[in-house]
Amino acid sequence: MLDCGLDLERVPCRGGAYVLVLQLRGPTRRVRTGALGVLAFRPGFYCYVGSAKSGLRSRLARHLRKGGKRKHWHVDYLRAVAQPVCLLVAEPGVGECALGRRVAALSGDCVAGFGASDCRCRSHLHYFARDPVPYMKKGRID
């Protein structure tokens, strides 16, 4: 797992899977999230697992931009209220769903259906009460 912090220059230009770690501070927020409807997000950390067939850097740059973009993915709605903490990029050959299962094994909870409309996974958004990055940096999800 490559820890890129929030430095897009460290993100490879190739395709692959990634984890975008977001932090939500303050009170629980109710957010209209596309076809999923209104969801309640409690304070804490959210790990969104995604992929880009080609161009990880451009996909993650889009996720880091807060405004001025059409909401296309579920994470765009959460990104409107949560701040990015870290970008983690999987080793080549690790798929989005496999990476999601590894993150889910560390997580206490998920948001059902989030980011998983094109696969059979329960979710691609996993909740952590505390910062999960130290666990992921230790290689526990590779």
C-alpha atoms as a PDB file:
ATOM      1  CA  MET A   1       0.000   0.000   0.000  1.00  0.00           C
ATOM      2  CA  LEU A   2       1.487   3.321  -1.070  1.00  0.00           C
ATOM      3  CA  ASP A   3       0.740   6.171   1.362  1.00  0.00           C
ATOM      4  CA  CYS A   4       0.482   9.357  -0.684  1.00  0.00           C
ATOM      5  CA  GLY A   5      -0.728  11.606   2.129  1.00  0.00           C
ATOM      6  CA  LEU A   6      -2.599  14.249   0.158  1.00  0.00           C
ATOM      7  CA  ASP A   7       0.265  14.773  -2.318  1.00  0.00           C
ATOM      8  CA  LEU A   8      -1.064  14.037  -5.794  1.00  0.00           C
ATOM      9  CA  GLU A   9       2.479  14.061  -7.179  1.00  0.00           C
ATOM     10  CA  ARG A  10       3.081  10.801  -5.294  1.00  0.00           C
ATOM     11  CA  VAL A  11       0.013   9.141  -6.855  1.00  0.00           C
ATOM     12  CA  PRO A  12       0.893   6.941  -9.837  1.00  0.00           C
ATOM     13  CA  CYS A  13      -0.633   7.834 -13.201  1.00  0.00           C
ATOM     14  CA  ARG A  14      -1.485   4.168 -13.877  1.00  0.00           C
ATOM     15  CA  GLY A  15      -4.828   2.582 -13.154  1.00  0.00           C
ATOM     16  CA  GLY A  16      -5.610   0.699  -9.976  1.00  0.00           C
ATOM     17  CA  ALA A  17      -7.458   0.606  -6.669  1.00  0.00           C
ATOM     18  CA  TYR A  18      -7.255   3.175  -3.904  1.00  0.00           C
ATOM     19  CA  VAL A  19      -8.568   4.179  -0.496  1.00  0.00           C
ATOM     20  CA  LEU A  20      -9.627   7.771   0.110  1.00  0.00           C
ATOM     21  CA  VAL A  21      -9.713   8.437   3.850  1.00  0.00           C
ATOM     22  CA  LEU A  22     -12.134  11.202   4.860  1.00  0.00           C
ATOM     23  CA  GLN A  23     -12.828  12.720   8.260  1.00  0.00           C
ATOM     24  CA  LEU A  24     -16.178  14.086   9.336  1.00  0.00           C
ATOM     25  CA  ARG A  25     -16.084  16.394  12.342  1.00  0.00           C
ATOM     26  CA  GLY A  26     -18.900  17.874  14.367  1.00  0.00           C
ATOM     27  CA  PRO A  27     -22.416  16.551  14.638  1.00  0.00           C
ATOM     28  CA  THR A  28     -23.983  13.744  12.645  1.00  0.00           C
ATOM     29  CA  ARG A  29     -24.836  15.012   9.163  1.00  0.00           C
ATOM     30  CA  ARG A  30     -27.759  13.998   7.022  1.00  0.00           C
ATOM     31  CA  VAL A  31     -26.693  14.032   3.378  1.00  0.00           C
ATOM     32  CA  ARG A  32     -28.726  13.336   0.257  1.00  0.00           C
ATOM     33  CA  THR A  33     -26.567  10.780  -1.523  1.00  0.00           C
ATOM     34  CA  GLY A  34     -27.895  10.272  -5.025  1.00  0.00           C
ATOM     35  CA  ALA A  35     -29.994   7.143  -5.497  1.00  0.00           C
ATOM     36  CA  LEU A  36     -29.229   6.011  -1.926  1.00  0.00           C
ATOM     37  CA  GLY A  37     -31.371   8.854  -0.600  1.00  0.00           C
ATOM     38  CA  VAL A  38     -30.673  10.714   2.649  1.00  0.00           C
ATOM     39  CA  LEU A  39     -28.032   9.030   4.783  1.00  0.00           C
ATOM     40  CA  ALA A  40     -26.821   9.903   8.277  1.00  0.00           C
ATOM     41  CA  PHE A  41     -23.048  10.176   8.663  1.00  0.00           C
ATOM     42  CA  ARG A  42     -21.732  10.297  12.212  1.00  0.00           C
ATOM     43  CA  PRO A  43     -18.429  11.948  13.126  1.00  0.00           C
ATOM     44  CA  GLY A  44     -15.344   9.842  12.523  1.00  0.00           C
ATOM     45  CA  PHE A  45     -13.337   8.504   9.610  1.00  0.00           C
ATOM     46  CA  TYR A  46     -14.651   7.028   6.394  1.00  0.00           C
ATOM     47  CA  CYS A  47     -12.566   4.923   4.024  1.00  0.00           C
ATOM     48  CA  TYR A  48     -13.902   5.003   0.486  1.00  0.00           C
ATOM     49  CA  VAL A  49     -12.519   2.229  -1.701  1.00  0.00           C
ATOM     50  CA  GLY A  50     -12.520   2.947  -5.409  1.00  0.00           C
ATOM     51  CA  SER A  51     -10.675   2.289  -8.627  1.00  0.00           C
ATOM     52  CA  ALA A  52      -9.688   3.961 -11.842  1.00  0.00           C
ATOM     53  CA  LYS A  53      -9.082   1.870 -14.942  1.00  0.00           C
ATOM     54  CA  SER A  54      -6.459   4.358 -16.056  1.00  0.00           C
ATOM     55  CA  GLY A  55      -5.422   7.563 -14.400  1.00  0.00           C
ATOM     56  CA  LEU A  56      -5.411   7.186 -10.617  1.00  0.00           C
ATOM     57  CA  ARG A  57      -3.966  10.673 -10.275  1.00  0.00           C
ATOM     58  CA  SER A  58      -6.771  12.365 -12.211  1.00  0.00           C
ATOM     59  CA  ARG A  59      -9.480  10.398 -10.370  1.00  0.00           C
ATOM     60  CA  LEU A  60      -8.039  11.259  -6.951  1.00  0.00           C
ATOM     61  CA  ALA A  61      -7.534  14.895  -7.962  1.00  0.00           C
ATOM     62  CA  ARG A  62     -11.254  15.006  -8.715  1.00  0.00           C
ATOM     63  CA  HIS A  63     -12.066  13.519  -5.308  1.00  0.00           C
ATOM     64  CA  LEU A  64      -9.900  16.125  -3.579  1.00  0.00           C
ATOM     65  CA  ARG A  65     -11.620  19.052  -5.309  1.00  0.00           C
ATOM     66  CA  LYS A  66     -14.428  20.191  -3.077  1.00  0.00           C
ATOM     67  CA  GLY A  67     -16.592  22.263  -5.380  1.00  0.00           C
ATOM     68  CA  GLY A  68     -17.212  22.986  -9.031  1.00  0.00           C
ATOM     69  CA  LYS A  69     -17.934  19.431 -10.096  1.00  0.00           C
ATOM     70  CA  ARG A  70     -21.047  17.517 -10.977  1.00  0.00           C
ATOM     71  CA  LYS A  71     -21.884  14.894  -8.370  1.00  0.00           C
ATOM     72  CA  HIS A  72     -21.394  11.613 -10.160  1.00  0.00           C
ATOM     73  CA  TRP A  73     -20.203   9.062  -7.569  1.00  0.00           C
ATOM     74  CA  HIS A  74     -21.642   8.477  -4.094  1.00  0.00           C
ATOM     75  CA  VAL A  75     -18.388   9.757  -2.595  1.00  0.00           C
ATOM     76  CA  ASP A  76     -18.971  13.176  -4.221  1.00  0.00           C
ATOM     77  CA  TYR A  77     -21.893  13.719  -1.843  1.00  0.00           C
ATOM     78  CA  LEU A  78     -19.914  12.729   1.256  1.00  0.00           C
ATOM     79  CA  ARG A  79     -16.948  14.786   0.093  1.00  0.00           C
ATOM     80  CA  ALA A  80     -19.137  17.901   0.327  1.00  0.00           C
ATOM     81  CA  VAL A  81     -19.169  17.565   4.151  1.00  0.00           C
ATOM     82  CA  ALA A  82     -16.031  15.532   4.958  1.00  0.00           C
ATOM     83  CA  GLN A  83     -12.364  16.484   4.640  1.00  0.00           C
ATOM     84  CA  PRO A  84      -9.715  14.312   2.975  1.00  0.00           C
ATOM     85  CA  VAL A  85      -7.054  12.958   5.327  1.00  0.00           C
ATOM     86  CA  CYS A  86      -5.029  10.561   3.200  1.00  0.00           C
ATOM     87  CA  LEU A  87      -4.806   8.790  -0.154  1.00  0.00           C
ATOM     88  CA  LEU A  88      -3.643   5.175  -0.158  1.00  0.00           C
ATOM     89  CA  VAL A  89      -2.938   3.366  -3.418  1.00  0.00           C
ATOM     90  CA  ALA A  90      -3.001  -0.423  -3.688  1.00  0.00           C
ATOM     91  CA  GLU A  91      -0.239  -2.412  -5.294  1.00  0.00           C
ATOM     92  CA  PRO A  92      -0.801  -3.167  -9.005  1.00  0.00           C
ATOM     93  CA  GLY A  93      -3.105  -6.128  -9.505  1.00  0.00           C
ATOM     94  CA  VAL A  94      -5.127  -5.614  -6.299  1.00  0.00           C
ATOM     95  CA  GLY A  95      -8.734  -5.045  -7.333  1.00  0.00           C
ATOM     96  CA  GLU A  96     -11.250  -2.653  -5.826  1.00  0.00           C
ATOM     97  CA  CYS A  97     -13.475  -5.332  -4.295  1.00  0.00           C
ATOM     98  CA  ALA A  98     -10.546  -7.315  -2.849  1.00  0.00           C
ATOM     99  CA  LEU A  99      -9.158  -4.124  -1.323  1.00  0.00           C
ATOM    100  CA  GLY A 100     -12.631  -3.291   0.010  1.00  0.00           C
ATOM    101  CA  ARG A 101     -12.841  -6.661   1.761  1.00  0.00           C
ATOM    102  CA  ARG A 102      -9.484  -6.003   3.436  1.00  0.00           C
ATOM    103  CA  VAL A 103     -10.618  -2.591   4.661  1.00  0.00           C
ATOM    104  CA  ALA A 104     -13.955  -4.042   5.804  1.00  0.00           C
ATOM    105  CA  ALA A 105     -12.113  -6.608   7.939  1.00  0.00           C
ATOM    106  CA  LEU A 106     -10.550  -3.734   9.922  1.00  0.00           C
ATOM    107  CA  SER A 107     -13.696  -1.637  10.118  1.00  0.00           C
ATOM    108  CA  GLY A 108     -16.472  -1.777  12.638  1.00  0.00           C
ATOM    109  CA  ASP A 109     -19.181  -0.614  10.272  1.00  0.00           C
ATOM    110  CA  CYS A 110     -20.050   0.353   6.716  1.00  0.00           C
ATOM    111  CA  VAL A 111     -22.640   2.335   4.801  1.00  0.00           C
ATOM    112  CA  ALA A 112     -24.654  -0.323   2.956  1.00  0.00           C
ATOM    113  CA  GLY A 113     -24.703   0.045  -0.816  1.00  0.00           C
ATOM    114  CA  PHE A 114     -22.354   3.042  -0.858  1.00  0.00           C
ATOM    115  CA  GLY A 115     -20.055   2.927  -3.883  1.00  0.00           C
ATOM    116  CA  ALA A 116     -21.032  -0.643  -4.641  1.00  0.00           C
ATOM    117  CA  SER A 117     -23.775  -0.217  -7.212  1.00  0.00           C
ATOM    118  CA  ASP A 118     -21.746  -1.989  -9.903  1.00  0.00           C
ATOM    119  CA  CYS A 119     -20.655  -5.052  -7.887  1.00  0.00           C
ATOM    120  CA  ARG A 120     -21.934  -7.494  -5.266  1.00  0.00           C
ATOM    121  CA  CYS A 121     -20.037  -6.007  -2.319  1.00  0.00           C
ATOM    122  CA  ARG A 122     -22.041  -4.832   0.681  1.00  0.00           C
ATOM    123  CA  SER A 123     -20.297  -1.457   0.603  1.00  0.00           C
ATOM    124  CA  HIS A 124     -17.229   0.413  -0.533  1.00  0.00           C
ATOM    125  CA  LEU A 125     -17.450   2.915   2.342  1.00  0.00           C
ATOM    126  CA  HIS A 126     -16.227   1.782   5.743  1.00  0.00           C
ATOM    127  CA  TYR A 127     -16.510   3.629   9.041  1.00  0.00           C
ATOM    128  CA  PHE A 128     -13.851   3.982  11.745  1.00  0.00           C
ATOM    129  CA  ALA A 129     -14.299   5.873  15.013  1.00  0.00           C
ATOM    130  CA  ARG A 130     -10.510   6.476  15.125  1.00  0.00           C
ATOM    131  CA  ASP A 131      -7.965   7.259  12.433  1.00  0.00           C
ATOM    132  CA  PRO A 132      -7.439   4.012  10.468  1.00  0.00           C
ATOM    133  CA  VAL A 133      -4.364   5.151   8.537  1.00  0.00           C
ATOM    134  CA  PRO A 134      -1.791   3.837  11.066  1.00  0.00           C
ATOM    135  CA  TYR A 135      -3.266   0.319  10.722  1.00  0.00           C
ATOM    136  CA  MET A 136      -3.229   0.523   6.954  1.00  0.00           C
ATOM    137  CA  LYS A 137       0.337   1.843   6.832  1.00  0.00           C
ATOM    138  CA  LYS A 138       1.489  -1.203   8.759  1.00  0.00           C
ATOM    139  CA  GLY A 139       0.429  -3.262   5.760  1.00  0.00           C
ATOM    140  CA  ARG A 140      -2.552  -4.904   7.394  1.00  0.00           C
ATOM    141  CA  ILE A 141      -4.615  -4.485   4.230  1.00  0.00           C
ATOM    142  CA  ASP A 142      -2.012  -5.538   1.662  1.00  0.00           C
END
